[in-house]
Amino acid sequence: MPTRTSTATEVQVACKLFNGFADRTRLAILLELVREERRVTDLVQALGGSQGNISGHLACLKECGLVVDRPEGRQVFYRIAHPEVYDVLRSAEALLAVTGPAIELCSNFGTKS
């Protein structure tokens, strides 16, 4: 049986994971990488962000183990690190299909607790 401390720790780690997915730019990067490997320049063009901003978010995603890179000559290609990331994104899409309107209308969206 899990202890209260271990459960609190698990919740804290899960919150970090979902905070990673909650950032608009990081989520957009992950959704781009679902399609195929991308370079920073490809992501900048697709998302309209700055090179520094996209690189910073990729570094965060890589540090957290959600994304890996593959150098090829002077280029670096990024991709999703684990199939479970795809699973989370697909599950979120399915959940939004049934709850999207309620979430969109939710007055608590974006509030901190």
Protein backbone atom coordinates (compact mmCIF):
# COMPACT_ATOMS: atom_id res chain seq x y z
CA MET A 1 0.00 0.00 0.00
CA PRO A 2 1.50 3.38 -0.99
CA THR A 3 2.31 5.80 1.77
CA ARG A 4 0.93 9.32 1.83
CA THR A 5 4.45 10.67 1.14
CA SER A 6 4.98 8.45 -1.90
CA THR A 7 1.56 9.41 -3.26
CA ALA A 8 2.34 13.11 -2.77
CA THR A 9 5.64 12.65 -4.58
CA GLU A 10 3.93 10.83 -7.45
CA VAL A 11 1.38 13.63 -7.73
CA GLN A 12 4.14 16.24 -7.72
CA VAL A 13 6.01 14.46 -10.53
CA ALA A 14 2.78 14.01 -12.51
CA CYS A 15 2.08 17.74 -12.12
CA LYS A 16 5.50 18.50 -13.59
CA LEU A 17 4.73 16.24 -16.54
CA PHE A 18 1.36 17.86 -17.20
CA ASN A 19 2.85 21.34 -16.79
CA GLY A 20 5.22 20.38 -19.59
CA PHE A 21 2.30 19.45 -21.81
CA ALA A 22 0.36 22.55 -20.70
CA ASP A 23 2.82 25.03 -22.18
CA ARG A 24 1.47 26.17 -25.55
CA THR A 25 4.84 26.15 -27.32
CA ARG A 26 5.99 22.80 -25.92
CA LEU A 27 2.67 21.18 -26.85
CA ALA A 28 2.87 22.65 -30.36
CA ILE A 29 6.41 21.26 -30.70
CA LEU A 30 5.29 17.81 -29.58
CA LEU A 31 2.37 17.87 -32.01
CA GLU A 32 4.76 18.79 -34.84
CA LEU A 33 7.12 15.98 -33.83
CA VAL A 34 4.24 13.49 -33.89
CA ARG A 35 4.22 13.96 -37.67
CA GLU A 36 7.95 13.54 -38.26
CA GLU A 37 11.44 14.43 -37.09
CA ARG A 38 12.10 18.14 -37.27
CA ARG A 39 15.03 20.53 -37.04
CA VAL A 40 14.83 23.73 -35.01
CA THR A 41 14.54 25.73 -38.24
CA ASP A 42 11.60 23.55 -39.33
CA LEU A 43 9.85 24.14 -36.01
CA VAL A 44 10.53 27.89 -36.12
CA GLN A 45 8.95 28.03 -39.56
CA ALA A 46 5.97 25.85 -38.60
CA LEU A 47 5.26 27.55 -35.27
CA GLY A 48 6.34 31.09 -35.99
CA GLY A 49 8.46 31.37 -32.84
CA SER A 50 12.01 32.57 -32.47
CA GLN A 51 14.95 30.21 -32.78
CA GLY A 52 15.99 30.88 -29.19
CA ASN A 53 12.51 30.24 -27.82
CA ILE A 54 12.04 26.99 -29.75
CA SER A 55 15.54 25.80 -28.82
CA GLY A 56 14.86 26.51 -25.15
CA HIS A 57 11.64 24.54 -25.19
CA LEU A 58 13.33 21.66 -27.01
CA ALA A 59 16.06 21.63 -24.37
CA CYS A 60 13.38 21.40 -21.67
CA LEU A 61 11.57 18.57 -23.48
CA LYS A 62 14.87 16.76 -24.00
CA GLU A 63 15.94 17.17 -20.36
CA CYS A 64 12.61 15.71 -19.26
CA GLY A 65 13.04 12.72 -21.55
CA LEU A 66 10.10 13.49 -23.84
CA VAL A 67 12.23 14.30 -26.90
CA VAL A 68 15.54 13.00 -28.24
CA ASP A 69 17.85 14.43 -30.85
CA ARG A 70 19.81 12.92 -33.70
CA PRO A 71 22.76 14.82 -35.14
CA GLU A 72 23.27 14.49 -38.88
CA GLY A 73 26.25 16.46 -40.08
CA ARG A 74 25.72 20.04 -38.96
CA GLN A 75 22.00 19.51 -38.47
CA VAL A 76 20.15 18.14 -35.46
CA PHE A 77 16.82 16.39 -35.84
CA TYR A 78 14.39 16.04 -32.94
CA ARG A 79 11.78 13.34 -32.42
CA ILE A 80 9.44 11.99 -29.75
CA ALA A 81 11.47 9.87 -27.31
CA HIS A 82 8.91 7.26 -26.26
CA PRO A 83 5.72 5.78 -27.74
CA GLU A 84 3.96 6.69 -24.49
CA VAL A 85 4.19 10.37 -25.48
CA TYR A 86 2.15 9.55 -28.58
CA ASP A 87 -0.30 7.69 -26.34
CA VAL A 88 -0.76 10.72 -24.06
CA LEU A 89 -1.36 13.01 -27.03
CA ARG A 90 -3.83 10.57 -28.64
CA SER A 91 -5.64 10.11 -25.32
CA ALA A 92 -5.87 13.87 -24.88
CA GLU A 93 -7.30 14.18 -28.38
CA ALA A 94 -9.91 11.50 -27.61
CA LEU A 95 -10.80 13.14 -24.30
CA LEU A 96 -11.15 16.53 -25.97
CA ALA A 97 -13.49 14.98 -28.53
CA VAL A 98 -15.96 14.25 -25.72
CA THR A 99 -15.23 17.11 -23.31
CA GLY A 100 -13.91 19.89 -25.56
CA PRO A 101 -16.96 22.17 -25.41
CA ALA A 102 -17.13 21.95 -21.60
CA ILE A 103 -13.40 22.61 -21.30
CA GLU A 104 -13.64 25.54 -23.69
CA LEU A 105 -16.43 27.08 -21.61
CA CYS A 106 -14.84 26.28 -18.25
CA SER A 107 -14.40 29.50 -16.25
CA ASN A 108 -11.67 27.90 -14.13
CA PHE A 109 -9.34 27.31 -17.08
CA GLY A 110 -5.95 28.83 -16.47
CA THR A 111 -6.48 29.45 -12.77
CA LYS A 112 -3.84 28.31 -10.31
CA SER A 113 -4.81 26.30 -7.28
